[in-house]
């Protein structure tokens, strides 16, 4: 994707949350920079609590009032941090689609499924009622929901978790966005339905030319969907590069450990725990768990550098100084 103007560009993003009891705000995203070009699928992978979802929600300014966001988020050249709320509302669900990760709380429990999927079809694609109703059934059928017409008349509480996740996917792609943010789009799905959702996202992006930011802990989904992948640990982007190369030859010790811990491998757990916000160690945040840690790793925070040994790759580690 080199030479292509980014559709989404995030520069030096910091996200902190104020504490109710006072004290220093807790840092959740710590100086992340990344870009997503048009028609590209970029994946963010990492353990739970690493800051992936918070970063995704910050793009559409959907974080709670306790969040303090610093940095630059550009979409098609516009700074989303400075955009008036009226223009931002037009982008949400239209030019920028979102598939949130929690179906239990993301759907309105008192509105029927059909009404919730039809809303972006009418609002952003300006379809008539008849056109929107037909498109609704087509979307539900493509996502493998049983008896689409009956399902469209049901309420969220009448559906299983997997069915609700597929409804969220339908809402996210209904407006035919130029950029789709998919936060754990296969969470809670069995293997067959997971494949259906992954295939649908890939086909939707290919047919519409949309870019995607896929946030996932599922390495198989990232490997299948993504052109490039970024690895996030303790709020920092520690490695990024083409997906095939990154999975075949990880550079950062955390990436290597993450891949070794995958269920389809030998399942070697990473020793220790990811540090909680406010308890991150001095120097490299991964050094307490890293088998290659040096004295410098314990003292100094590594900088992100493009590895000469691997063009197109980026790694934040003193091993590649």
Protein backbone atom coordinates (compact mmCIF):
# COMPACT_ATOMS: atom_id res chain seq x y z
CA UNK A 1 0.00 0.00 0.00
CA UNK A 2 3.03 2.27 -0.16
CA UNK A 3 2.44 5.43 -2.15
CA UNK A 4 -1.32 5.32 -1.50
CA UNK A 5 -2.79 8.24 0.43
CA UNK A 6 -4.18 6.94 3.74
CA UNK A 7 -7.94 7.02 4.19
CA UNK A 8 -7.43 6.84 7.96
CA UNK A 9 -4.33 8.20 9.65
CA UNK A 10 -3.74 8.16 13.39
CA UNK A 11 -0.79 10.13 14.72
CA UNK A 12 0.67 9.86 18.21
CA UNK A 13 -2.64 8.97 19.85
CA UNK A 14 -2.80 9.07 23.66
CA UNK A 15 -5.96 8.12 25.55
CA UNK A 16 -6.23 8.50 29.31
CA UNK A 17 -9.17 8.04 31.67
CA UNK A 18 -9.80 10.24 34.69
CA UNK A 19 -10.31 8.37 37.93
CA UNK A 20 -13.35 9.00 40.11
CA UNK A 21 -11.19 9.09 43.23
CA UNK A 22 -8.82 11.61 41.65
CA UNK A 23 -5.16 10.99 41.06
CA UNK A 24 -3.31 10.70 37.79
CA UNK A 25 -5.40 9.66 34.76
CA UNK A 26 -4.83 6.06 33.65
CA UNK A 27 -3.14 5.72 30.26
CA UNK A 28 -4.79 3.11 28.03
CA UNK A 29 -3.44 4.06 24.58
CA UNK A 30 0.12 5.35 24.63
CA UNK A 31 1.41 7.13 21.53
CA UNK A 32 -0.04 4.91 18.78
CA UNK A 33 0.44 5.90 15.13
CA UNK A 34 -0.98 3.90 12.22
CA UNK A 35 -2.61 4.36 8.84
CA UNK A 36 -5.15 2.51 6.71
CA UNK A 37 -5.24 3.09 2.97
CA UNK A 38 -8.32 2.89 0.78
CA UNK A 39 -9.33 -0.71 -0.02
CA UNK A 40 -6.88 -1.98 2.63
CA UNK A 41 -7.74 -4.15 5.62
CA UNK A 42 -5.61 -3.41 8.66
CA UNK A 43 -5.79 -5.67 11.70
CA UNK A 44 -5.07 -4.79 15.32
CA UNK A 45 -4.23 -7.81 17.46
CA UNK A 46 -3.22 -8.22 21.09
CA UNK A 47 -4.38 -9.49 24.46
CA UNK A 48 -7.55 -8.30 26.19
CA UNK A 49 -6.94 -4.99 27.92
CA UNK A 50 -4.25 -3.86 25.50
CA UNK A 51 -6.24 -0.82 24.33
CA UNK A 52 -7.45 -2.09 20.94
CA UNK A 53 -11.17 -1.42 21.41
CA UNK A 54 -10.61 1.93 23.12
CA UNK A 55 -8.56 3.02 20.10
CA UNK A 56 -11.32 1.88 17.73
CA UNK A 57 -14.05 3.74 19.63
CA UNK A 58 -11.96 6.91 19.75
CA UNK A 59 -12.06 7.23 15.95
CA UNK A 60 -15.78 8.06 16.04
CA UNK A 61 -15.48 9.93 19.36
CA UNK A 62 -17.62 7.38 21.17
CA UNK A 63 -15.59 7.24 24.39
CA UNK A 64 -17.17 8.33 27.70
CA UNK A 65 -16.67 11.82 29.11
CA UNK A 66 -13.94 10.60 31.46
CA UNK A 67 -11.63 10.01 28.47
CA UNK A 68 -8.87 12.48 27.66
CA UNK A 69 -7.81 12.06 24.03
CA UNK A 70 -4.70 13.69 22.56
CA UNK A 71 -3.24 13.28 19.11
CA UNK A 72 -4.55 13.45 15.56
CA UNK A 73 -7.11 11.23 13.81
CA UNK A 74 -7.50 12.06 10.14
CA UNK A 75 -10.23 10.58 7.94
CA UNK A 76 -9.92 11.43 4.27
CA UNK A 77 -7.93 14.51 5.28
CA UNK A 78 -10.44 15.75 7.90
CA UNK A 79 -9.38 15.87 11.56
CA UNK A 80 -12.11 13.90 13.33
CA UNK A 81 -11.05 15.33 16.68
CA UNK A 82 -11.99 18.83 15.49
CA UNK A 83 -15.00 17.96 13.34
CA UNK A 84 -18.34 19.58 14.35
CA UNK A 85 -20.75 17.09 15.91
CA UNK A 86 -23.28 17.52 13.09
CA UNK A 87 -20.74 16.47 10.43
CA UNK A 88 -19.50 13.65 12.65
CA UNK A 89 -23.04 12.27 12.99
CA UNK A 90 -23.31 12.14 9.20
CA UNK A 91 -20.12 10.07 9.06
CA UNK A 92 -21.22 7.59 11.72
CA UNK A 93 -22.90 4.63 10.08
CA UNK A 94 -22.48 6.18 6.63
CA UNK A 95 -18.92 6.82 5.48
CA UNK A 96 -17.59 5.13 8.62
CA UNK A 97 -19.35 1.97 9.75
CA UNK A 98 -18.92 0.27 13.10
CA UNK A 99 -19.42 -3.31 14.23
CA UNK A 100 -19.13 -3.05 18.04
CA UNK A 101 -18.02 -6.04 20.04
CA UNK A 102 -20.77 -6.38 22.64
CA UNK A 103 -24.07 -7.48 21.06
CA UNK A 104 -25.80 -7.69 24.43
CA UNK A 105 -25.53 -3.93 24.99
CA UNK A 106 -25.14 -2.56 21.45
CA UNK A 107 -28.65 -3.33 20.20
CA UNK A 108 -31.73 -1.46 21.40
CA UNK A 109 -33.74 -4.05 23.37
CA UNK A 110 -37.12 -2.41 22.69
CA UNK A 111 -36.81 -2.09 18.90
CA UNK A 112 -37.31 -4.95 16.47
CA UNK A 113 -34.27 -6.19 14.57
CA UNK A 114 -35.65 -5.08 11.20
CA UNK A 115 -36.10 -1.49 12.31
CA UNK A 116 -32.51 -1.30 13.59
CA UNK A 117 -31.02 -2.63 10.34
CA UNK A 118 -33.30 -0.52 8.13
CA UNK A 119 -32.31 2.73 9.84
CA UNK A 120 -28.86 3.06 8.16
CA UNK A 121 -30.34 1.88 4.85
CA UNK A 122 -32.87 4.71 4.90
CA UNK A 123 -30.67 7.35 6.51
CA UNK A 124 -27.40 6.90 4.62
CA UNK A 125 -28.40 5.20 1.37
CA UNK A 126 -31.70 7.05 0.95
CA UNK A 127 -33.58 3.88 0.03
CA UNK A 128 -37.36 3.78 -0.12
CA UNK A 129 -39.22 1.68 2.44
CA UNK A 130 -39.69 -1.13 -0.06
CA UNK A 131 -36.06 -1.07 -1.17
CA UNK A 132 -34.83 -1.00 2.42
CA UNK A 133 -37.10 -3.90 3.39
CA UNK A 134 -35.76 -6.01 0.50
CA UNK A 135 -32.15 -5.10 1.34
CA UNK A 136 -32.79 -5.98 4.99
CA UNK A 137 -33.86 -9.53 4.14
CA UNK A 138 -30.93 -9.95 1.75
CA UNK A 139 -28.44 -8.88 4.42
CA UNK A 140 -29.90 -11.20 7.06
CA UNK A 141 -29.92 -14.09 4.59
CA UNK A 142 -26.30 -13.47 3.55
CA UNK A 143 -25.31 -13.56 7.22
CA UNK A 144 -26.91 -16.97 7.66
CA UNK A 145 -29.72 -15.87 9.99
CA UNK A 146 -32.58 -18.38 9.95
CA UNK A 147 -35.92 -17.29 8.46
CA UNK A 148 -34.85 -13.68 7.79
CA UNK A 149 -38.42 -12.36 7.62
CA UNK A 150 -39.31 -13.82 11.02
CA UNK A 151 -35.97 -12.76 12.52
CA UNK A 152 -36.52 -9.19 11.35
CA UNK A 153 -39.69 -9.05 13.45
CA UNK A 154 -37.98 -10.26 16.61
CA UNK A 155 -36.42 -8.27 19.43
CA UNK A 156 -32.74 -8.62 20.41
CA UNK A 157 -33.60 -10.48 23.63
CA UNK A 158 -35.19 -13.22 21.51
CA UNK A 159 -31.92 -13.97 19.68
CA UNK A 160 -28.81 -15.87 20.71
CA UNK A 161 -25.51 -14.06 21.21
CA UNK A 162 -24.20 -15.28 17.86
CA UNK A 163 -27.33 -14.12 16.04
CA UNK A 164 -27.09 -10.68 17.67
CA UNK A 165 -23.45 -10.41 16.58
CA UNK A 166 -24.50 -11.09 12.98
CA UNK A 167 -27.22 -8.42 13.25
CA UNK A 168 -24.55 -5.93 14.39
CA UNK A 169 -22.51 -6.88 11.33
CA UNK A 170 -25.53 -6.25 9.10
CA UNK A 171 -26.02 -2.79 10.66
CA UNK A 172 -22.30 -2.00 10.25
CA UNK A 173 -22.18 -2.75 6.53
CA UNK A 174 -25.73 -1.58 5.66
CA UNK A 175 -24.64 1.98 4.88
CA UNK A 176 -21.89 0.77 2.52
CA UNK A 177 -19.16 2.63 4.41
CA UNK A 178 -15.81 3.64 2.93
CA UNK A 179 -14.23 2.60 6.24
CA UNK A 180 -15.55 -0.19 8.44
CA UNK A 181 -14.33 -0.57 12.01
CA UNK A 182 -15.01 -4.16 13.06
CA UNK A 183 -14.37 -4.73 16.77
CA UNK A 184 -14.19 -8.47 17.50
CA UNK A 185 -16.67 -9.25 14.68
CA UNK A 186 -16.49 -13.02 15.30
CA UNK A 187 -16.78 -12.94 19.09
CA UNK A 188 -19.10 -15.65 20.40
CA UNK A 189 -19.57 -17.35 17.01
CA UNK A 190 -19.01 -21.02 16.29
CA UNK A 191 -16.54 -22.06 13.58
CA UNK A 192 -19.12 -22.30 10.77
CA UNK A 193 -20.80 -18.97 11.46
CA UNK A 194 -17.42 -17.33 12.07
CA UNK A 195 -16.37 -18.33 8.55
CA UNK A 196 -19.64 -16.92 7.14
CA UNK A 197 -19.07 -13.56 8.85
CA UNK A 198 -15.41 -13.38 7.79
CA UNK A 199 -16.34 -14.21 4.19
CA UNK A 200 -19.13 -11.63 4.22
CA UNK A 201 -16.83 -8.90 5.54
CA UNK A 202 -14.19 -9.75 2.95
CA UNK A 203 -16.75 -9.79 0.11
CA UNK A 204 -18.41 -6.57 1.29
CA UNK A 205 -15.04 -4.79 1.38
CA UNK A 206 -14.06 -6.16 -2.01
CA UNK A 207 -17.36 -5.29 -3.70
CA UNK A 208 -17.60 -1.76 -2.26
CA UNK A 209 -13.88 -0.97 -2.20
CA UNK A 210 -14.12 -0.20 1.51
CA UNK A 211 -11.16 -0.12 3.87
CA UNK A 212 -11.42 -2.01 7.16
CA UNK A 213 -9.88 -1.72 10.59
CA UNK A 214 -10.34 -5.15 12.17
CA UNK A 215 -9.80 -5.35 15.92
CA UNK A 216 -9.49 -8.95 17.05
CA UNK A 217 -7.80 -11.38 19.36
CA UNK A 218 -8.48 -14.16 16.83
CA UNK A 219 -5.21 -14.63 14.94
CA UNK A 220 -6.84 -16.84 12.30
CA UNK A 221 -9.36 -14.12 11.46
CA UNK A 222 -6.55 -11.55 11.21
CA UNK A 223 -4.49 -13.82 8.97
CA UNK A 224 -7.44 -14.46 6.63
CA UNK A 225 -8.87 -10.93 6.44
CA UNK A 226 -5.97 -8.50 6.79
CA UNK A 227 -3.44 -7.05 4.36
CA UNK A 228 -1.39 -5.53 7.18
CA UNK A 229 -1.37 -6.17 10.91
CA UNK A 230 -0.38 -4.12 13.95
CA UNK A 231 0.39 -5.74 17.30
CA UNK A 232 -0.56 -3.73 20.37
CA UNK A 233 0.71 -4.37 23.90
CA UNK A 234 -0.02 -2.29 27.00
CA UNK A 235 -1.35 0.52 24.82
CA UNK A 236 1.67 0.67 22.50
CA UNK A 237 2.01 -0.50 18.91
CA UNK A 238 5.03 -2.82 19.19
CA UNK A 239 5.08 -4.21 15.65
CA UNK A 240 3.40 -3.65 12.29
CA UNK A 241 3.83 -4.98 8.78
CA UNK A 242 2.32 -7.08 5.98
CA UNK A 243 0.17 -9.81 7.52
CA UNK A 244 1.76 -12.75 5.71
CA UNK A 245 5.28 -11.65 6.64
CA UNK A 246 4.41 -10.81 10.23
CA UNK A 247 2.79 -14.18 10.86
CA UNK A 248 5.59 -16.06 9.08
CA UNK A 249 8.45 -14.18 10.76
CA UNK A 250 7.51 -12.12 13.82
CA UNK A 251 10.15 -9.61 14.90
CA UNK A 252 9.03 -8.48 18.34
CA UNK A 253 9.33 -11.05 21.17
CA UNK A 254 5.73 -10.34 22.17
CA UNK A 255 4.45 -11.09 18.66
CA UNK A 256 6.39 -14.35 18.62
CA UNK A 257 5.01 -15.31 22.03
CA UNK A 258 1.46 -14.38 20.99
CA UNK A 259 1.65 -16.60 17.91
CA UNK A 260 3.14 -19.46 19.93
CA UNK A 261 0.23 -19.23 22.37
CA UNK A 262 -2.40 -19.64 19.62
CA UNK A 263 -4.68 -22.69 20.08
CA UNK A 264 -3.78 -24.09 16.65
CA UNK A 265 -0.08 -24.15 17.64
CA UNK A 266 1.64 -25.86 20.56
CA UNK A 267 -0.22 -23.57 22.96
CA UNK A 268 2.69 -22.16 24.94
CA UNK A 269 1.23 -19.59 27.35
CA UNK A 270 3.07 -16.30 27.83
CA UNK A 271 4.40 -16.18 31.41
CA UNK A 272 3.08 -13.46 33.68
CA UNK A 273 0.28 -10.99 33.04
CA UNK A 274 -0.13 -7.91 30.88
CA UNK A 275 0.33 -4.84 33.13
CA UNK A 276 -2.76 -2.90 34.11
CA UNK A 277 -2.97 0.83 33.28
CA UNK A 278 -1.14 2.76 35.98
CA UNK A 279 1.09 -0.22 36.81
CA UNK A 280 3.19 -0.35 33.66
CA UNK A 281 6.90 -0.81 34.35
CA UNK A 282 9.69 1.55 33.43
CA UNK A 283 11.36 0.92 30.08
CA UNK A 284 9.79 -1.61 27.73
CA UNK A 285 6.35 -2.63 29.03
CA UNK A 286 6.97 -6.23 27.92
CA UNK A 287 10.35 -6.70 29.61
CA UNK A 288 9.04 -8.56 32.73
CA UNK A 289 7.68 -11.30 30.43
CA UNK A 290 10.36 -11.21 27.73
CA UNK A 291 13.01 -13.97 27.46
CA UNK A 292 15.35 -11.55 25.63
CA UNK A 293 15.15 -8.64 28.10
CA UNK A 294 18.39 -6.70 28.64
CA UNK A 295 19.30 -4.05 31.22
CA UNK A 296 18.47 -1.35 28.68
CA UNK A 297 14.96 -2.78 28.27
CA UNK A 298 14.36 -2.28 31.99
CA UNK A 299 15.57 1.33 31.93
CA UNK A 300 14.61 2.86 28.59
CA UNK A 301 11.43 2.82 26.57
CA UNK A 302 12.23 1.54 23.06
CA UNK A 303 11.44 3.64 20.03
CA UNK A 304 9.66 2.42 16.93
CA UNK A 305 11.98 1.89 14.00
CA UNK A 306 11.72 0.51 10.48
CA UNK A 307 13.90 -2.58 10.32
CA UNK A 308 16.46 -2.51 7.54
CA UNK A 309 16.47 -6.29 7.66
CA UNK A 310 12.73 -6.33 6.88
CA UNK A 311 11.53 -3.51 4.57
CA UNK A 312 7.93 -2.46 5.23
CA UNK A 313 8.09 -3.70 8.81
CA UNK A 314 8.07 -1.63 11.98
CA UNK A 315 9.15 -2.85 15.41
CA UNK A 316 9.48 -1.20 18.83
CA UNK A 317 12.28 -3.22 20.43
CA UNK A 318 15.92 -2.64 21.44
CA UNK A 319 16.90 -5.90 19.70
CA UNK A 320 16.53 -4.03 16.38
CA UNK A 321 18.24 -0.77 17.25
